[in-house]
């Protein structure tokens, strides 16, 4: 009827709607019972204890929460975890292989491409994905490709240098 207020379908205190899902994270199959509203970021941190992926803005604006899904970078704060059943999720913890750092991780260390470190995991995950994406050869091209990842400390020159050093090696 017109004029009557809408009734919420979820009533506070009525409980949380959960769903059983099986996620594939860093090469491991993980069965979970998740709140259907849980983001991938919160699932990684709260359920799987993978704290390398950071919660920066929680609005998809800073890139601190960047992870790979099927090799593509995404903001995990904007993605519902239940949507990723059957997909391959890689976090900063899963980037190294057989105990060896990923070339981007090595380059970030060599080029001193971080200061406080809060954005570093997201920056590294974006840079690792960038290696497999179309990106021109210049520093400006790298800056554009990395523009979804913010650094409050302003380590951008060293981040670009690290990305370019890996691109030259590969």
N, C-alpha and C. Protein backbone atom coordinates (compact mmCIF):
# COMPACT_ATOMS: atom_id res chain seq x y z
N UNK A 1 0.83 -1.18 0.00
CA UNK A 1 0.00 0.00 0.00
C UNK A 1 0.87 1.24 0.00
N UNK A 2 0.43 2.23 -0.68
CA UNK A 2 1.18 3.48 -0.72
C UNK A 2 1.18 4.13 0.65
N UNK A 3 2.32 4.70 1.01
CA UNK A 3 2.41 5.40 2.28
C UNK A 3 2.89 4.55 3.44
N UNK A 4 2.83 3.22 3.30
CA UNK A 4 3.30 2.36 4.39
C UNK A 4 4.81 2.20 4.30
N UNK A 5 5.51 2.22 5.44
CA UNK A 5 6.96 2.07 5.41
C UNK A 5 7.35 0.66 4.98
N UNK A 6 8.51 0.56 4.31
CA UNK A 6 9.02 -0.74 3.91
C UNK A 6 9.46 -1.53 5.14
N UNK A 7 9.22 -2.80 5.11
CA UNK A 7 9.65 -3.67 6.20
C UNK A 7 11.00 -4.29 5.83
N UNK A 8 11.99 -4.16 6.68
CA UNK A 8 13.30 -4.75 6.36
C UNK A 8 13.22 -6.27 6.32
N UNK A 9 13.94 -6.86 5.35
CA UNK A 9 13.94 -8.32 5.25
C UNK A 9 14.91 -8.94 6.25
N UNK A 10 15.85 -8.15 6.75
CA UNK A 10 16.80 -8.62 7.76
C UNK A 10 16.52 -7.83 9.03
N UNK A 11 16.12 -8.53 10.08
CA UNK A 11 15.82 -7.86 11.33
C UNK A 11 17.00 -8.01 12.27
N UNK A 12 17.44 -6.91 12.88
CA UNK A 12 18.54 -7.00 13.83
C UNK A 12 18.22 -8.03 14.91
N UNK A 13 19.18 -8.86 15.22
CA UNK A 13 19.00 -9.89 16.23
C UNK A 13 18.38 -11.16 15.69
N UNK A 14 17.94 -11.14 14.44
CA UNK A 14 17.29 -12.32 13.86
C UNK A 14 18.32 -13.36 13.43
N UNK A 15 19.58 -13.01 13.42
CA UNK A 15 20.62 -13.94 13.01
C UNK A 15 21.25 -13.52 11.70
N UNK A 16 22.31 -14.18 11.37
CA UNK A 16 23.06 -13.89 10.15
C UNK A 16 22.79 -14.99 9.14
N UNK A 17 22.61 -14.63 7.90
CA UNK A 17 22.41 -15.62 6.85
C UNK A 17 23.78 -16.08 6.39
N UNK A 18 24.03 -17.37 6.50
CA UNK A 18 25.32 -17.92 6.10
C UNK A 18 25.14 -18.92 4.96
N UNK A 19 26.26 -19.18 4.31
CA UNK A 19 26.27 -20.16 3.23
C UNK A 19 27.60 -20.90 3.25
N UNK A 20 27.56 -22.19 3.03
CA UNK A 20 28.78 -22.98 2.93
C UNK A 20 29.43 -22.71 1.58
N UNK A 21 30.70 -22.36 1.60
CA UNK A 21 31.45 -22.12 0.37
C UNK A 21 32.81 -22.80 0.47
N UNK A 22 33.35 -23.11 -0.68
CA UNK A 22 34.71 -23.65 -0.73
C UNK A 22 35.54 -22.68 -1.56
N UNK A 23 36.51 -22.06 -0.91
CA UNK A 23 37.39 -21.12 -1.60
C UNK A 23 38.73 -21.78 -1.83
N UNK A 24 39.40 -21.34 -2.87
CA UNK A 24 40.76 -21.79 -3.18
C UNK A 24 41.67 -20.59 -2.97
N UNK A 25 42.43 -20.60 -1.87
CA UNK A 25 43.26 -19.47 -1.49
C UNK A 25 44.72 -19.92 -1.39
N UNK A 26 45.57 -19.27 -2.16
CA UNK A 26 47.00 -19.56 -2.16
C UNK A 26 47.28 -21.06 -2.38
N UNK A 27 46.50 -21.65 -3.28
CA UNK A 27 46.70 -23.04 -3.63
C UNK A 27 46.05 -24.05 -2.71
N UNK A 28 45.41 -23.59 -1.66
CA UNK A 28 44.75 -24.49 -0.72
C UNK A 28 43.23 -24.37 -0.84
N UNK A 29 42.54 -25.50 -0.72
CA UNK A 29 41.08 -25.52 -0.72
C UNK A 29 40.61 -25.33 0.71
N UNK A 30 39.74 -24.34 0.90
CA UNK A 30 39.30 -23.97 2.24
C UNK A 30 37.78 -23.96 2.31
N UNK A 31 37.18 -24.93 3.05
CA UNK A 31 35.72 -24.88 3.24
C UNK A 31 35.37 -23.89 4.36
N UNK A 32 34.39 -23.06 4.12
CA UNK A 32 33.98 -22.05 5.10
C UNK A 32 32.47 -21.94 5.15
N UNK A 33 31.96 -21.50 6.27
CA UNK A 33 30.55 -21.15 6.41
C UNK A 33 30.54 -19.64 6.62
N UNK A 34 30.15 -18.88 5.59
CA UNK A 34 30.32 -17.44 5.60
C UNK A 34 29.00 -16.69 5.62
N UNK A 35 29.02 -15.55 6.29
CA UNK A 35 27.95 -14.57 6.18
C UNK A 35 27.89 -14.18 4.70
N UNK A 36 26.72 -14.21 4.12
CA UNK A 36 26.60 -13.93 2.69
C UNK A 36 27.01 -12.50 2.34
N UNK A 37 27.15 -11.65 3.33
CA UNK A 37 27.56 -10.26 3.11
C UNK A 37 29.05 -10.04 3.34
N UNK A 38 29.78 -11.09 3.68
CA UNK A 38 31.21 -10.95 4.01
C UNK A 38 32.03 -10.64 2.77
N UNK A 39 32.88 -9.63 2.87
CA UNK A 39 33.77 -9.32 1.77
C UNK A 39 34.93 -10.31 1.77
N UNK A 40 35.59 -10.40 0.64
CA UNK A 40 36.77 -11.25 0.57
C UNK A 40 37.83 -10.75 1.55
N UNK A 41 38.00 -9.45 1.65
CA UNK A 41 38.98 -8.88 2.58
C UNK A 41 38.72 -9.35 4.01
N UNK A 42 37.50 -9.20 4.48
CA UNK A 42 37.18 -9.61 5.84
C UNK A 42 37.32 -11.12 6.01
N UNK A 43 36.96 -11.88 4.99
CA UNK A 43 37.11 -13.34 5.06
C UNK A 43 38.57 -13.73 5.18
N UNK A 44 39.42 -13.11 4.38
CA UNK A 44 40.86 -13.42 4.45
C UNK A 44 41.41 -13.10 5.83
N UNK A 45 41.08 -11.95 6.36
CA UNK A 45 41.65 -11.51 7.63
C UNK A 45 41.00 -12.20 8.84
N UNK A 46 39.69 -12.29 8.86
CA UNK A 46 38.99 -12.77 10.05
C UNK A 46 38.84 -14.29 10.11
N UNK A 47 38.67 -14.93 8.96
CA UNK A 47 38.45 -16.37 8.95
C UNK A 47 39.72 -17.15 8.65
N UNK A 48 40.58 -16.61 7.80
CA UNK A 48 41.77 -17.36 7.37
C UNK A 48 43.06 -16.84 8.00
N UNK A 49 42.96 -15.79 8.79
CA UNK A 49 44.11 -15.22 9.50
C UNK A 49 45.24 -14.82 8.55
N UNK A 50 44.88 -14.35 7.37
CA UNK A 50 45.84 -13.85 6.39
C UNK A 50 45.84 -12.33 6.51
N UNK A 51 46.74 -11.81 7.30
CA UNK A 51 46.73 -10.39 7.65
C UNK A 51 47.57 -9.51 6.75
N UNK A 52 48.22 -10.09 5.73
CA UNK A 52 49.02 -9.29 4.81
C UNK A 52 48.19 -8.36 3.98
N UNK A 53 46.99 -8.77 3.62
CA UNK A 53 46.08 -7.93 2.86
C UNK A 53 45.47 -6.93 3.83
N UNK A 54 45.66 -5.66 3.56
CA UNK A 54 45.27 -4.61 4.51
C UNK A 54 43.92 -3.99 4.19
N UNK A 55 43.26 -3.53 5.24
CA UNK A 55 42.03 -2.76 5.09
C UNK A 55 42.43 -1.30 5.21
N UNK A 56 42.37 -0.60 4.08
CA UNK A 56 42.73 0.81 4.08
C UNK A 56 41.48 1.66 4.19
N UNK A 57 40.83 1.86 3.08
CA UNK A 57 39.65 2.74 3.04
C UNK A 57 38.34 1.98 3.15
N UNK A 58 38.33 0.70 2.78
CA UNK A 58 37.13 -0.13 2.76
C UNK A 58 36.09 0.38 1.76
N UNK A 59 36.56 1.17 0.77
CA UNK A 59 35.67 1.71 -0.26
C UNK A 59 36.22 1.52 -1.67
N UNK A 60 37.30 0.76 -1.82
CA UNK A 60 37.88 0.51 -3.13
C UNK A 60 38.64 1.68 -3.71
N UNK A 61 39.09 2.59 -2.87
CA UNK A 61 39.77 3.78 -3.36
C UNK A 61 41.28 3.77 -3.17
N UNK A 62 41.81 2.93 -2.26
CA UNK A 62 43.23 3.03 -1.93
C UNK A 62 44.09 1.88 -2.46
N UNK A 63 43.52 0.71 -2.69
CA UNK A 63 44.26 -0.42 -3.23
C UNK A 63 45.04 -1.23 -2.21
N UNK A 64 44.97 -0.89 -0.92
CA UNK A 64 45.71 -1.65 0.10
C UNK A 64 45.24 -3.10 0.17
N UNK A 65 44.02 -3.37 -0.26
CA UNK A 65 43.43 -4.70 -0.16
C UNK A 65 43.57 -5.52 -1.45
N UNK A 66 44.43 -5.08 -2.37
CA UNK A 66 44.55 -5.74 -3.67
C UNK A 66 45.02 -7.18 -3.54
N UNK A 67 44.29 -8.08 -4.17
CA UNK A 67 44.67 -9.50 -4.29
C UNK A 67 44.44 -9.90 -5.74
N UNK A 68 44.85 -11.11 -6.08
CA UNK A 68 44.60 -11.63 -7.43
C UNK A 68 43.47 -12.66 -7.37
N UNK A 69 42.58 -12.60 -8.32
CA UNK A 69 41.57 -13.64 -8.53
C UNK A 69 41.74 -14.10 -9.97
N UNK A 70 42.11 -15.36 -10.11
CA UNK A 70 42.39 -15.93 -11.43
C UNK A 70 43.44 -15.10 -12.18
N UNK A 71 44.42 -14.60 -11.44
CA UNK A 71 45.52 -13.86 -12.02
C UNK A 71 45.27 -12.39 -12.26
N UNK A 72 44.05 -11.92 -12.00
CA UNK A 72 43.72 -10.50 -12.20
C UNK A 72 43.60 -9.81 -10.86
N UNK A 73 44.05 -8.58 -10.80
CA UNK A 73 43.98 -7.85 -9.53
C UNK A 73 42.58 -7.32 -9.27
N UNK A 74 42.17 -7.40 -8.03
CA UNK A 74 40.87 -6.86 -7.61
C UNK A 74 41.03 -6.20 -6.25
N UNK A 75 40.09 -5.35 -5.92
CA UNK A 75 39.99 -4.80 -4.56
C UNK A 75 39.14 -5.77 -3.74
N UNK A 76 39.76 -6.43 -2.79
CA UNK A 76 39.03 -7.45 -2.03
C UNK A 76 37.99 -6.85 -1.09
N UNK A 77 38.07 -5.54 -0.82
CA UNK A 77 37.07 -4.92 0.04
C UNK A 77 35.74 -4.70 -0.69
N UNK A 78 35.75 -4.81 -2.01
CA UNK A 78 34.54 -4.58 -2.80
C UNK A 78 33.92 -5.87 -3.32
N UNK A 79 34.51 -7.01 -2.98
CA UNK A 79 34.10 -8.28 -3.55
C UNK A 79 33.53 -9.19 -2.47
N UNK A 80 32.35 -9.72 -2.71
CA UNK A 80 31.77 -10.67 -1.76
C UNK A 80 32.48 -12.01 -1.90
N UNK A 81 32.87 -12.59 -0.78
CA UNK A 81 33.62 -13.84 -0.80
C UNK A 81 32.85 -14.98 -1.45
N UNK A 82 31.54 -15.03 -1.23
CA UNK A 82 30.77 -16.16 -1.78
C UNK A 82 30.71 -16.15 -3.30
N UNK A 83 31.06 -15.02 -3.91
CA UNK A 83 31.06 -14.92 -5.37
C UNK A 83 32.27 -15.62 -5.99
N UNK A 84 33.25 -16.00 -5.18
CA UNK A 84 34.52 -16.48 -5.71
C UNK A 84 34.71 -17.98 -5.60
N UNK A 85 33.64 -18.70 -5.32
CA UNK A 85 33.75 -20.15 -5.25
C UNK A 85 34.22 -20.68 -6.60
N UNK A 86 35.25 -21.50 -6.58
CA UNK A 86 35.81 -22.07 -7.80
C UNK A 86 36.91 -21.23 -8.43
N UNK A 87 37.14 -20.03 -7.91
CA UNK A 87 38.18 -19.16 -8.44
C UNK A 87 39.48 -19.35 -7.64
N UNK A 88 40.59 -19.02 -8.26
CA UNK A 88 41.90 -19.08 -7.59
C UNK A 88 42.23 -17.71 -7.03
N UNK A 89 42.32 -17.63 -5.71
CA UNK A 89 42.61 -16.38 -5.00
C UNK A 89 44.05 -16.43 -4.53
N UNK A 90 44.81 -15.37 -4.82
CA UNK A 90 46.19 -15.29 -4.37
C UNK A 90 46.37 -14.01 -3.57
N UNK A 91 46.90 -14.16 -2.36
CA UNK A 91 47.19 -13.01 -1.50
C UNK A 91 48.70 -12.80 -1.48
N UNK A 92 49.13 -11.77 -0.80
CA UNK A 92 50.56 -11.49 -0.69
C UNK A 92 51.29 -12.68 -0.07
N UNK A 93 50.63 -13.40 0.82
CA UNK A 93 51.25 -14.57 1.45
C UNK A 93 51.49 -15.69 0.45
N UNK A 94 50.71 -15.74 -0.61
CA UNK A 94 50.83 -16.80 -1.60
C UNK A 94 51.64 -16.42 -2.83
N UNK A 95 52.18 -15.20 -2.83
CA UNK A 95 52.92 -14.74 -4.01
C UNK A 95 54.27 -15.42 -4.14
N UNK A 96 54.93 -15.65 -3.02
CA UNK A 96 56.23 -16.35 -3.08
C UNK A 96 55.99 -17.80 -3.45
N UNK A 97 56.99 -18.41 -4.08
CA UNK A 97 56.87 -19.80 -4.51
C UNK A 97 58.06 -20.60 -3.99
N UNK A 98 57.76 -21.71 -3.32
CA UNK A 98 58.80 -22.61 -2.81
C UNK A 98 59.83 -21.88 -1.96
N UNK A 99 59.37 -20.94 -1.16
CA UNK A 99 60.26 -20.21 -0.26
C UNK A 99 61.02 -19.07 -0.91
N UNK A 100 60.85 -18.88 -2.21
CA UNK A 100 61.55 -17.80 -2.92
C UNK A 100 60.59 -16.63 -3.13
N UNK A 101 61.06 -15.43 -2.85
CA UNK A 101 60.25 -14.26 -3.07
C UNK A 101 59.93 -14.08 -4.55
N UNK A 102 58.79 -13.51 -4.82
CA UNK A 102 58.42 -13.14 -6.19
C UNK A 102 59.39 -12.03 -6.63
N UNK A 103 59.71 -11.95 -7.91
CA UNK A 103 60.61 -10.89 -8.38
C UNK A 103 60.17 -9.48 -7.99
N UNK A 104 58.88 -9.23 -7.92
CA UNK A 104 58.41 -7.90 -7.51
C UNK A 104 58.73 -7.67 -6.03
N UNK A 105 58.56 -8.69 -5.20
CA UNK A 105 58.91 -8.55 -3.79
C UNK A 105 60.39 -8.23 -3.64
N UNK A 106 61.23 -8.94 -4.39
CA UNK A 106 62.67 -8.69 -4.35
C UNK A 106 62.99 -7.27 -4.79
N UNK A 107 62.35 -6.82 -5.85
CA UNK A 107 62.60 -5.48 -6.37
C UNK A 107 62.17 -4.40 -5.39
N UNK A 108 61.06 -4.62 -4.68
CA UNK A 108 60.63 -3.64 -3.68
C UNK A 108 61.67 -3.51 -2.57
N UNK A 109 62.30 -4.61 -2.21
CA UNK A 109 63.35 -4.55 -1.20
C UNK A 109 64.59 -3.85 -1.77
N UNK A 110 65.02 -4.27 -2.94
CA UNK A 110 66.22 -3.70 -3.57
C UNK A 110 66.09 -2.20 -3.82
N UNK A 111 64.90 -1.76 -4.24
CA UNK A 111 64.70 -0.35 -4.59
C UNK A 111 64.10 0.47 -3.46
N UNK A 112 64.01 -0.12 -2.27
CA UNK A 112 63.49 0.58 -1.10
C UNK A 112 62.15 1.24 -1.44
N UNK A 113 61.23 0.43 -1.97
CA UNK A 113 59.96 0.93 -2.50
C UNK A 113 58.84 0.96 -1.47
N UNK A 114 59.19 1.18 -0.23
CA UNK A 114 58.16 1.31 0.81
C UNK A 114 58.72 2.11 1.96
N UNK A 115 57.82 2.71 2.71
CA UNK A 115 58.24 3.44 3.91
C UNK A 115 57.52 2.84 5.11
N UNK A 116 56.28 3.25 5.36
CA UNK A 116 55.57 2.70 6.52
C UNK A 116 55.16 1.26 6.28
N UNK A 117 54.96 0.89 5.02
CA UNK A 117 54.63 -0.48 4.66
C UNK A 117 53.16 -0.82 4.59
N UNK A 118 52.29 0.10 4.98
CA UNK A 118 50.87 -0.24 5.01
C UNK A 118 50.32 -0.57 3.63
N UNK A 119 50.74 0.15 2.62
CA UNK A 119 50.22 -0.07 1.26
C UNK A 119 51.02 -1.12 0.50
N UNK A 120 52.13 -1.57 1.07
CA UNK A 120 53.10 -2.37 0.32
C UNK A 120 52.51 -3.65 -0.27
N UNK A 121 51.74 -4.39 0.49
CA UNK A 121 51.18 -5.64 -0.04
C UNK A 121 50.30 -5.37 -1.26
N UNK A 122 49.45 -4.36 -1.17
CA UNK A 122 48.60 -4.01 -2.31
C UNK A 122 49.41 -3.52 -3.50
N UNK A 123 50.44 -2.74 -3.23
CA UNK A 123 51.31 -2.25 -4.30
C UNK A 123 51.99 -3.43 -5.00
N UNK A 124 52.51 -4.36 -4.22
CA UNK A 124 53.21 -5.52 -4.78
C UNK A 124 52.24 -6.38 -5.59
N UNK A 125 51.05 -6.61 -5.08
CA UNK A 125 50.07 -7.42 -5.81
C UNK A 125 49.67 -6.75 -7.12
N UNK A 126 49.50 -5.43 -7.11
CA UNK A 126 49.19 -4.73 -8.35
C UNK A 126 50.35 -4.79 -9.33
N UNK A 127 51.56 -4.60 -8.83
CA UNK A 127 52.74 -4.64 -9.70
C UNK A 127 52.93 -6.03 -10.31
N UNK A 128 52.69 -7.07 -9.53
CA UNK A 128 52.82 -8.44 -10.05
C UNK A 128 51.80 -8.70 -11.15
N UNK A 129 50.59 -8.19 -10.98
CA UNK A 129 49.56 -8.35 -12.01
C UNK A 129 49.91 -7.52 -13.25
N UNK A 130 50.45 -6.34 -13.03
CA UNK A 130 50.82 -5.45 -14.13
C UNK A 130 51.78 -6.12 -15.10
N UNK A 131 52.62 -7.02 -14.61
CA UNK A 131 53.59 -7.71 -15.47
C UNK A 131 52.91 -8.52 -16.56
N UNK A 132 51.64 -8.87 -16.36
CA UNK A 132 50.90 -9.70 -17.32
C UNK A 132 49.79 -8.92 -18.03
N UNK A 133 49.81 -7.61 -17.87
CA UNK A 133 48.80 -6.75 -18.48
C UNK A 133 49.46 -5.85 -19.52
N UNK A 134 48.66 -5.33 -20.45
CA UNK A 134 49.23 -4.36 -21.39
C UNK A 134 49.63 -3.09 -20.64
N UNK A 135 50.86 -2.69 -20.79
CA UNK A 135 51.35 -1.48 -20.14
C UNK A 135 52.51 -0.96 -20.97
N UNK A 136 52.46 0.30 -21.31
CA UNK A 136 53.53 0.89 -22.10
C UNK A 136 54.85 0.87 -21.37
N UNK A 137 55.92 1.27 -22.03
CA UNK A 137 57.27 1.14 -21.48
C UNK A 137 57.71 2.25 -20.53
N UNK A 138 57.00 3.36 -20.48
CA UNK A 138 57.51 4.51 -19.73
C UNK A 138 57.10 4.48 -18.25
N UNK A 139 57.79 5.31 -17.47
CA UNK A 139 57.42 5.46 -16.07
C UNK A 139 56.00 5.98 -15.93
N UNK A 140 55.60 6.87 -16.82
CA UNK A 140 54.21 7.38 -16.78
C UNK A 140 53.20 6.26 -17.04
N UNK A 141 53.55 5.33 -17.90
CA UNK A 141 52.67 4.18 -18.16
C UNK A 141 52.51 3.34 -16.89
N UNK A 142 53.60 3.13 -16.20
CA UNK A 142 53.55 2.37 -14.95
C UNK A 142 52.73 3.13 -13.91
N UNK A 143 52.97 4.43 -13.79
CA UNK A 143 52.19 5.23 -12.84
C UNK A 143 50.69 5.12 -13.12
N UNK A 144 50.32 5.18 -14.39
CA UNK A 144 48.91 5.06 -14.77
C UNK A 144 48.37 3.69 -14.41
N UNK A 145 49.14 2.65 -14.69
CA UNK A 145 48.69 1.27 -14.39
C UNK A 145 48.61 1.01 -12.89
N UNK A 146 49.38 1.73 -12.11
CA UNK A 146 49.39 1.55 -10.66
C UNK A 146 48.53 2.61 -9.94
N UNK A 147 47.79 3.40 -10.69
CA UNK A 147 47.09 4.55 -10.11
C UNK A 147 45.98 4.16 -9.12
N UNK A 148 45.56 2.93 -9.10
CA UNK A 148 44.56 2.48 -8.13
C UNK A 148 45.13 2.17 -6.77
N UNK A 149 46.45 2.30 -6.62
CA UNK A 149 47.11 2.01 -5.35
C UNK A 149 47.76 3.29 -4.81
N UNK A 150 47.30 3.72 -3.66
CA UNK A 150 47.79 4.94 -3.06
C UNK A 150 48.85 4.65 -2.00
N UNK A 151 49.82 5.56 -1.90
CA UNK A 151 50.86 5.48 -0.88
C UNK A 151 50.85 6.79 -0.12
N UNK A 152 50.48 6.75 1.14
CA UNK A 152 50.42 7.98 1.93
C UNK A 152 51.80 8.56 2.19
N UNK A 153 52.82 7.72 2.17
CA UNK A 153 54.17 8.20 2.43
C UNK A 153 54.83 8.83 1.21
N UNK A 154 54.30 8.57 0.03
CA UNK A 154 54.85 9.15 -1.18
C UNK A 154 56.06 8.42 -1.73
N UNK A 155 56.08 7.11 -1.60
CA UNK A 155 57.20 6.31 -2.10
C UNK A 155 57.09 6.01 -3.59
N UNK A 156 56.29 6.77 -4.30
CA UNK A 156 56.02 6.49 -5.70
C UNK A 156 57.25 6.38 -6.59
N UNK A 157 58.25 7.26 -6.49
CA UNK A 157 59.41 7.11 -7.37
C UNK A 157 60.10 5.75 -7.22
N UNK A 158 60.21 5.28 -5.99
CA UNK A 158 60.86 3.98 -5.76
C UNK A 158 59.96 2.82 -6.16
N UNK A 159 58.65 2.98 -6.03
CA UNK A 159 57.72 1.94 -6.47
C UNK A 159 57.83 1.79 -7.98
N UNK A 160 57.82 2.90 -8.69
CA UNK A 160 57.95 2.86 -10.15
C UNK A 160 59.29 2.26 -10.55
N UNK A 161 60.35 2.63 -9.84
CA UNK A 161 61.68 2.08 -10.13
C UNK A 161 61.70 0.57 -9.93
N UNK A 162 61.04 0.09 -8.88
CA UNK A 162 60.99 -1.35 -8.62
C UNK A 162 60.24 -2.08 -9.73
N UNK A 163 59.11 -1.54 -10.13
CA UNK A 163 58.31 -2.16 -11.19
C UNK A 163 59.12 -2.18 -12.49
N UNK A 164 59.76 -1.07 -12.81
CA UNK A 164 60.53 -1.00 -14.05
C UNK A 164 61.73 -1.95 -14.02
N UNK A 165 62.35 -2.11 -12.87
CA UNK A 165 63.49 -3.04 -12.80
C UNK A 165 63.06 -4.47 -13.05
N UNK A 166 61.88 -4.85 -12.56
CA UNK A 166 61.37 -6.20 -12.81
C UNK A 166 61.00 -6.34 -14.29
N UNK A 167 60.37 -5.33 -14.85
CA UNK A 167 59.98 -5.39 -16.26
C UNK A 167 61.20 -5.54 -17.15
N UNK A 168 62.30 -4.91 -16.80
CA UNK A 168 63.52 -5.02 -17.62
C UNK A 168 64.13 -6.42 -17.54
N UNK A 169 63.97 -7.05 -16.36
CA UNK A 169 64.54 -8.40 -16.16
C UNK A 169 63.73 -9.49 -16.82
N UNK A 170 62.43 -9.25 -17.01
CA UNK A 170 61.57 -10.32 -17.55
C UNK A 170 61.24 -10.12 -19.01
